[in-house]
């Protein structure tokens, strides 16, 4: 059965500068633990500690750039 999600829920983000996360689908807004679909707006120079989420997370960059550093390199 379809569920209408009328608006995203804003979530506080970890990091060195204020970042906006608006979750459409995920643990907070739809009680979905397998995946997170959210709009994120990060200021230039924003960084966060490394994470290993227990759900699938996808990143789509609509403007600007995304730099990801991992144990394997940048």
PDB file of N, CA and C in Angstrom:
ATOM      1  N   UNK A   1       0.847  -1.180   0.000  1.00  0.00           N
ATOM      2  CA  UNK A   1       0.000   0.000   0.000  1.00  0.00           C
ATOM      3  C   UNK A   1       0.890   1.240   0.000  1.00  0.00           C
ATOM      4  N   UNK A   2       0.639   2.186  -0.874  1.00  0.00           N
ATOM      5  CA  UNK A   2       1.441   3.409  -0.930  1.00  0.00           C
ATOM      6  C   UNK A   2       1.277   4.257   0.331  1.00  0.00           C
ATOM      7  N   UNK A   3       2.340   4.949   0.674  1.00  0.00           N
ATOM      8  CA  UNK A   3       2.322   5.875   1.808  1.00  0.00           C
ATOM      9  C   UNK A   3       2.719   7.259   1.316  1.00  0.00           C
ATOM     10  N   UNK A   4       1.898   8.242   1.583  1.00  0.00           N
ATOM     11  CA  UNK A   4       2.202   9.618   1.200  1.00  0.00           C
ATOM     12  C   UNK A   4       3.135  10.234   2.240  1.00  0.00           C
ATOM     13  N   UNK A   5       4.279  10.709   1.792  1.00  0.00           N
ATOM     14  CA  UNK A   5       5.201  11.441   2.655  1.00  0.00           C
ATOM     15  C   UNK A   5       5.076  12.903   2.243  1.00  0.00           C
ATOM     16  N   UNK A   6       4.370  13.665   3.058  1.00  0.00           N
ATOM     17  CA  UNK A   6       4.023  15.036   2.688  1.00  0.00           C
ATOM     18  C   UNK A   6       5.205  15.983   2.661  1.00  0.00           C
ATOM     19  N   UNK A   7       6.196  15.754   3.531  1.00  0.00           N
ATOM     20  CA  UNK A   7       7.365  16.631   3.555  1.00  0.00           C
ATOM     21  C   UNK A   7       8.513  15.903   4.234  1.00  0.00           C
ATOM     22  N   UNK A   8       9.741  16.308   3.944  1.00  0.00           N
ATOM     23  CA  UNK A   8      10.880  15.677   4.608  1.00  0.00           C
ATOM     24  C   UNK A   8      11.011  16.156   6.050  1.00  0.00           C
ATOM     25  N   UNK A   9      11.759  15.374   6.831  1.00  0.00           N
ATOM     26  CA  UNK A   9      12.058  15.745   8.214  1.00  0.00           C
ATOM     27  C   UNK A   9      13.499  16.229   8.269  1.00  0.00           C
ATOM     28  N   UNK A  10      13.729  17.377   8.875  1.00  0.00           N
ATOM     29  CA  UNK A  10      15.084  17.911   8.991  1.00  0.00           C
ATOM     30  C   UNK A  10      15.815  17.200  10.127  1.00  0.00           C
ATOM     31  N   UNK A  11      17.053  16.769   9.852  1.00  0.00           N
ATOM     32  CA  UNK A  11      17.860  16.011  10.802  1.00  0.00           C
ATOM     33  C   UNK A  11      19.144  16.782  11.075  1.00  0.00           C
ATOM     34  N   UNK A  12      19.580  16.788  12.327  1.00  0.00           N
ATOM     35  CA  UNK A  12      20.830  17.452  12.698  1.00  0.00           C
ATOM     36  C   UNK A  12      22.007  16.639  12.169  1.00  0.00           C
ATOM     37  N   UNK A  13      22.989  17.328  11.610  1.00  0.00           N
ATOM     38  CA  UNK A  13      24.146  16.657  11.032  1.00  0.00           C
ATOM     39  C   UNK A  13      25.393  16.883  11.868  1.00  0.00           C
ATOM     40  N   UNK A  14      26.264  15.868  11.883  1.00  0.00           N
ATOM     41  CA  UNK A  14      27.577  16.013  12.506  1.00  0.00           C
ATOM     42  C   UNK A  14      28.488  16.712  11.490  1.00  0.00           C
ATOM     43  N   UNK A  15      29.492  17.385  11.974  1.00  0.00           N
ATOM     44  CA  UNK A  15      30.436  18.017  11.057  1.00  0.00           C
ATOM     45  C   UNK A  15      30.959  19.320  11.601  1.00  0.00           C
ATOM     46  N   UNK A  16      31.842  19.928  10.837  1.00  0.00           N
ATOM     47  CA  UNK A  16      32.511  21.146  11.294  1.00  0.00           C
ATOM     48  C   UNK A  16      31.740  22.426  10.987  1.00  0.00           C
ATOM     49  N   UNK A  17      30.727  22.377  10.132  1.00  0.00           N
ATOM     50  CA  UNK A  17      29.908  23.543   9.776  1.00  0.00           C
ATOM     51  C   UNK A  17      28.449  23.105   9.719  1.00  0.00           C
ATOM     52  N   UNK A  18      27.518  24.038   9.841  1.00  0.00           N
ATOM     53  CA  UNK A  18      26.099  23.669   9.740  1.00  0.00           C
ATOM     54  C   UNK A  18      25.768  23.069   8.368  1.00  0.00           C
ATOM     55  N   UNK A  19      25.059  21.968   8.373  1.00  0.00           N
ATOM     56  CA  UNK A  19      24.650  21.269   7.159  1.00  0.00           C
ATOM     57  C   UNK A  19      23.173  20.935   7.291  1.00  0.00           C
ATOM     58  N   UNK A  20      22.452  21.005   6.197  1.00  0.00           N
ATOM     59  CA  UNK A  20      21.020  20.711   6.217  1.00  0.00           C
ATOM     60  C   UNK A  20      20.784  19.321   5.624  1.00  0.00           C
ATOM     61  N   UNK A  21      20.134  18.453   6.391  1.00  0.00           N
ATOM     62  CA  UNK A  21      19.708  17.143   5.895  1.00  0.00           C
ATOM     63  C   UNK A  21      18.190  17.096   6.021  1.00  0.00           C
ATOM     64  N   UNK A  22      17.519  16.838   4.912  1.00  0.00           N
ATOM     65  CA  UNK A  22      16.068  16.694   4.900  1.00  0.00           C
ATOM     66  C   UNK A  22      15.744  15.278   4.415  1.00  0.00           C
ATOM     67  N   UNK A  23      15.341  14.417   5.345  1.00  0.00           N
ATOM     68  CA  UNK A  23      15.082  13.016   5.018  1.00  0.00           C
ATOM     69  C   UNK A  23      13.658  12.822   4.500  1.00  0.00           C
ATOM     70  N   UNK A  24      13.563  12.178   3.337  1.00  0.00           N
ATOM     71  CA  UNK A  24      12.269  11.795   2.786  1.00  0.00           C
ATOM     72  C   UNK A  24      11.921  10.370   3.226  1.00  0.00           C
ATOM     73  N   UNK A  25      12.878   9.455   3.028  1.00  0.00           N
ATOM     74  CA  UNK A  25      12.671   8.057   3.401  1.00  0.00           C
ATOM     75  C   UNK A  25      13.842   7.635   4.273  1.00  0.00           C
ATOM     76  N   UNK A  26      13.545   6.992   5.401  1.00  0.00           N
ATOM     77  CA  UNK A  26      14.598   6.540   6.310  1.00  0.00           C
ATOM     78  C   UNK A  26      14.038   6.271   7.684  1.00  0.00           C
ATOM     79  N   UNK A  27      14.930   6.102   8.629  1.00  0.00           N
ATOM     80  CA  UNK A  27      14.515   5.749   9.994  1.00  0.00           C
ATOM     81  C   UNK A  27      13.636   6.803  10.648  1.00  0.00           C
ATOM     82  N   UNK A  28      13.932   8.070  10.411  1.00  0.00           N
ATOM     83  CA  UNK A  28      13.206   9.145  11.092  1.00  0.00           C
ATOM     84  C   UNK A  28      11.837   9.398  10.458  1.00  0.00           C
ATOM     85  N   UNK A  29      11.798   9.543   9.136  1.00  0.00           N
ATOM     86  CA  UNK A  29      10.572  10.012   8.486  1.00  0.00           C
ATOM     87  C   UNK A  29       9.595   8.908   8.105  1.00  0.00           C
ATOM     88  N   UNK A  30      10.093   7.703   7.812  1.00  0.00           N
ATOM     89  CA  UNK A  30       9.185   6.649   7.347  1.00  0.00           C
ATOM     90  C   UNK A  30       9.395   5.309   8.057  1.00  0.00           C
ATOM     91  N   UNK A  31      10.215   5.297   9.102  1.00  0.00           N
ATOM     92  CA  UNK A  31      10.501   4.072   9.860  1.00  0.00           C
ATOM     93  C   UNK A  31      11.048   2.979   8.945  1.00  0.00           C
ATOM     94  N   UNK A  32      11.905   3.395   7.990  1.00  0.00           N
ATOM     95  CA  UNK A  32      12.547   2.484   7.050  1.00  0.00           C
ATOM     96  C   UNK A  32      14.013   2.366   7.439  1.00  0.00           C
ATOM     97  N   UNK A  33      14.474   1.158   7.758  1.00  0.00           N
ATOM     98  CA  UNK A  33      15.848   1.008   8.223  1.00  0.00           C
ATOM     99  C   UNK A  33      16.816   0.533   7.130  1.00  0.00           C
ATOM    100  N   UNK A  34      16.312   0.143   5.965  1.00  0.00           N
ATOM    101  CA  UNK A  34      17.174  -0.417   4.927  1.00  0.00           C
ATOM    102  C   UNK A  34      17.855   0.633   4.048  1.00  0.00           C
ATOM    103  N   UNK A  35      17.245   1.796   3.899  1.00  0.00           N
ATOM    104  CA  UNK A  35      17.775   2.790   2.975  1.00  0.00           C
ATOM    105  C   UNK A  35      17.434   4.192   3.471  1.00  0.00           C
ATOM    106  N   UNK A  36      18.240   5.162   3.067  1.00  0.00           N
ATOM    107  CA  UNK A  36      17.973   6.563   3.388  1.00  0.00           C
ATOM    108  C   UNK A  36      17.950   7.355   2.092  1.00  0.00           C
ATOM    109  N   UNK A  37      16.885   8.133   1.901  1.00  0.00           N
ATOM    110  CA  UNK A  37      16.785   9.053   0.773  1.00  0.00           C
ATOM    111  C   UNK A  37      16.597  10.436   1.370  1.00  0.00           C
ATOM    112  N   UNK A  38      17.588  11.292   1.172  1.00  0.00           N
ATOM    113  CA  UNK A  38      17.553  12.613   1.805  1.00  0.00           C
ATOM    114  C   UNK A  38      18.193  13.655   0.910  1.00  0.00           C
ATOM    115  N   UNK A  39      17.762  14.882   1.080  1.00  0.00           N
ATOM    116  CA  UNK A  39      18.381  16.040   0.426  1.00  0.00           C
ATOM    117  C   UNK A  39      19.366  16.627   1.431  1.00  0.00           C
ATOM    118  N   UNK A  40      20.605  16.825   0.988  1.00  0.00           N
ATOM    119  CA  UNK A  40      21.616  17.401   1.869  1.00  0.00           C
ATOM    120  C   UNK A  40      22.209  18.630   1.202  1.00  0.00           C
ATOM    121  N   UNK A  41      22.348  19.666   1.982  1.00  0.00           N
ATOM    122  CA  UNK A  41      22.984  20.900   1.510  1.00  0.00           C
ATOM    123  C   UNK A  41      24.141  21.206   2.451  1.00  0.00           C
ATOM    124  N   UNK A  42      25.358  21.126   1.909  1.00  0.00           N
ATOM    125  CA  UNK A  42      26.559  21.313   2.718  1.00  0.00           C
ATOM    126  C   UNK A  42      27.312  22.552   2.250  1.00  0.00           C
ATOM    127  N   UNK A  43      27.827  23.351   3.189  1.00  0.00           N
ATOM    128  CA  UNK A  43      28.631  24.507   2.794  1.00  0.00           C
ATOM    129  C   UNK A  43      30.009  24.052   2.311  1.00  0.00           C
ATOM    130  N   UNK A  44      30.658  24.873   1.524  1.00  0.00           N
ATOM    131  CA  UNK A  44      32.007  24.587   1.054  1.00  0.00           C
ATOM    132  C   UNK A  44      32.932  24.356   2.242  1.00  0.00           C
ATOM    133  N   UNK A  45      33.767  23.329   2.163  1.00  0.00           N
ATOM    134  CA  UNK A  45      34.696  23.035   3.247  1.00  0.00           C
ATOM    135  C   UNK A  45      34.126  22.190   4.358  1.00  0.00           C
ATOM    136  N   UNK A  46      32.884  21.742   4.223  1.00  0.00           N
ATOM    137  CA  UNK A  46      32.245  20.936   5.268  1.00  0.00           C
ATOM    138  C   UNK A  46      32.882  19.554   5.295  1.00  0.00           C
ATOM    139  N   UNK A  47      33.179  19.039   6.480  1.00  0.00           N
ATOM    140  CA  UNK A  47      33.709  17.682   6.644  1.00  0.00           C
ATOM    141  C   UNK A  47      33.004  17.015   7.812  1.00  0.00           C
ATOM    142  N   UNK A  48      32.999  15.691   7.818  1.00  0.00           N
ATOM    143  CA  UNK A  48      32.423  14.926   8.915  1.00  0.00           C
ATOM    144  C   UNK A  48      33.321  13.727   9.195  1.00  0.00           C
ATOM    145  N   UNK A  49      33.214  13.149  10.399  1.00  0.00           N
ATOM    146  CA  UNK A  49      33.985  11.945  10.682  1.00  0.00           C
ATOM    147  C   UNK A  49      33.507  10.781   9.817  1.00  0.00           C
ATOM    148  N   UNK A  50      34.395   9.831   9.551  1.00  0.00           N
ATOM    149  CA  UNK A  50      34.028   8.648   8.774  1.00  0.00           C
ATOM    150  C   UNK A  50      32.899   7.876   9.424  1.00  0.00           C
ATOM    151  N   UNK A  51      32.047   7.283   8.609  1.00  0.00           N
ATOM    152  CA  UNK A  51      30.893   6.546   9.117  1.00  0.00           C
ATOM    153  C   UNK A  51      30.737   5.235   8.354  1.00  0.00           C
ATOM    154  N   UNK A  52      30.132   4.263   8.986  1.00  0.00           N
ATOM    155  CA  UNK A  52      29.753   3.009   8.344  1.00  0.00           C
ATOM    156  C   UNK A  52      28.290   2.768   8.687  1.00  0.00           C
ATOM    157  N   UNK A  53      27.375   3.362   7.901  1.00  0.00           N
ATOM    158  CA  UNK A  53      25.951   3.218   8.227  1.00  0.00           C
ATOM    159  C   UNK A  53      25.478   1.773   8.070  1.00  0.00           C
ATOM    160  N   UNK A  54      24.433   1.434   8.804  1.00  0.00           N
ATOM    161  CA  UNK A  54      23.838   0.095   8.748  1.00  0.00           C
ATOM    162  C   UNK A  54      22.689   0.058   7.749  1.00  0.00           C
ATOM    163  N   UNK A  55      22.713   0.957   6.783  1.00  0.00           N
ATOM    164  CA  UNK A  55      21.686   1.011   5.750  1.00  0.00           C
ATOM    165  C   UNK A  55      22.353   1.450   4.457  1.00  0.00           C
ATOM    166  N   UNK A  56      21.673   1.280   3.337  1.00  0.00           N
ATOM    167  CA  UNK A  56      22.195   1.739   2.054  1.00  0.00           C
ATOM    168  C   UNK A  56      22.016   3.246   1.958  1.00  0.00           C
ATOM    169  N   UNK A  57      23.052   3.915   1.545  1.00  0.00           N
ATOM    170  CA  UNK A  57      23.015   5.372   1.421  1.00  0.00           C
ATOM    171  C   UNK A  57      23.591   5.740   0.063  1.00  0.00           C
ATOM    172  N   UNK A  58      22.895   6.575  -0.672  1.00  0.00           N
ATOM    173  CA  UNK A  58      23.306   6.985  -2.001  1.00  0.00           C
ATOM    174  C   UNK A  58      23.478   8.498  -2.015  1.00  0.00           C
ATOM    175  N   UNK A  59      24.477   8.974  -2.752  1.00  0.00           N
ATOM    176  CA  UNK A  59      24.728  10.405  -2.846  1.00  0.00           C
ATOM    177  C   UNK A  59      24.636  10.836  -4.302  1.00  0.00           C
ATOM    178  N   UNK A  60      23.827  11.834  -4.572  1.00  0.00           N
ATOM    179  CA  UNK A  60      23.705  12.429  -5.896  1.00  0.00           C
ATOM    180  C   UNK A  60      24.117  13.883  -5.746  1.00  0.00           C
ATOM    181  N   UNK A  61      25.119  14.315  -6.519  1.00  0.00           N
ATOM    182  CA  UNK A  61      25.588  15.693  -6.454  1.00  0.00           C
ATOM    183  C   UNK A  61      24.920  16.473  -7.585  1.00  0.00           C
ATOM    184  N   UNK A  62      24.067  17.433  -7.221  1.00  0.00           N
ATOM    185  CA  UNK A  62      23.348  18.219  -8.222  1.00  0.00           C
ATOM    186  C   UNK A  62      24.110  19.485  -8.606  1.00  0.00           C
ATOM    187  N   UNK A  63      24.926  19.985  -7.690  1.00  0.00           N
ATOM    188  CA  UNK A  63      25.735  21.173  -7.965  1.00  0.00           C
ATOM    189  C   UNK A  63      26.971  21.111  -7.081  1.00  0.00           C
ATOM    190  N   UNK A  64      28.082  21.628  -7.565  1.00  0.00           N
ATOM    191  CA  UNK A  64      29.304  21.606  -6.774  1.00  0.00           C
ATOM    192  C   UNK A  64      30.056  20.305  -6.985  1.00  0.00           C
ATOM    193  N   UNK A  65      30.772  19.871  -5.962  1.00  0.00           N
ATOM    194  CA  UNK A  65      31.555  18.632  -6.064  1.00  0.00           C
ATOM    195  C   UNK A  65      31.524  17.898  -4.730  1.00  0.00           C
ATOM    196  N   UNK A  66      31.879  16.632  -4.774  1.00  0.00           N
ATOM    197  CA  UNK A  66      31.910  15.791  -3.588  1.00  0.00           C
ATOM    198  C   UNK A  66      33.272  15.121  -3.536  1.00  0.00           C
ATOM    199  N   UNK A  67      33.950  15.250  -2.422  1.00  0.00           N
ATOM    200  CA  UNK A  67      35.241  14.590  -2.227  1.00  0.00           C
ATOM    201  C   UNK A  67      35.059  13.563  -1.121  1.00  0.00           C
ATOM    202  N   UNK A  68      35.389  12.317  -1.423  1.00  0.00           N
ATOM    203  CA  UNK A  68      35.252  11.232  -0.471  1.00  0.00           C
ATOM    204  C   UNK A  68      36.625  10.646  -0.210  1.00  0.00           C
ATOM    205  N   UNK A  69      36.979  10.552   1.063  1.00  0.00           N
ATOM    206  CA  UNK A  69      38.226   9.900   1.435  1.00  0.00           C
ATOM    207  C   UNK A  69      37.902   8.603   2.154  1.00  0.00           C
ATOM    208  N   UNK A  70      38.614   7.535   1.772  1.00  0.00           N
ATOM    209  CA  UNK A  70      38.404   6.238   2.425  1.00  0.00           C
ATOM    210  C   UNK A  70      39.758   5.649   2.781  1.00  0.00           C
ATOM    211  N   UNK A  71      39.733   4.480   3.393  1.00  0.00           N
ATOM    212  CA  UNK A  71      40.984   3.800   3.737  1.00  0.00           C
ATOM    213  C   UNK A  71      41.775   3.470   2.484  1.00  0.00           C
ATOM    214  N   UNK A  72      41.088   3.337   1.345  1.00  0.00           N
ATOM    215  CA  UNK A  72      41.737   3.002   0.081  1.00  0.00           C
ATOM    216  C   UNK A  72      42.301   4.234  -0.624  1.00  0.00           C
ATOM    217  N   UNK A  73      41.979   5.425  -0.143  1.00  0.00           N
ATOM    218  CA  UNK A  73      42.462   6.655  -0.771  1.00  0.00           C
ATOM    219  C   UNK A  73      41.337   7.634  -1.014  1.00  0.00           C
ATOM    220  N   UNK A  74      41.618   8.656  -1.806  1.00  0.00           N
ATOM    221  CA  UNK A  74      40.641   9.709  -2.084  1.00  0.00           C
ATOM    222  C   UNK A  74      39.910   9.433  -3.381  1.00  0.00           C
TER     223      UNK A  74
END
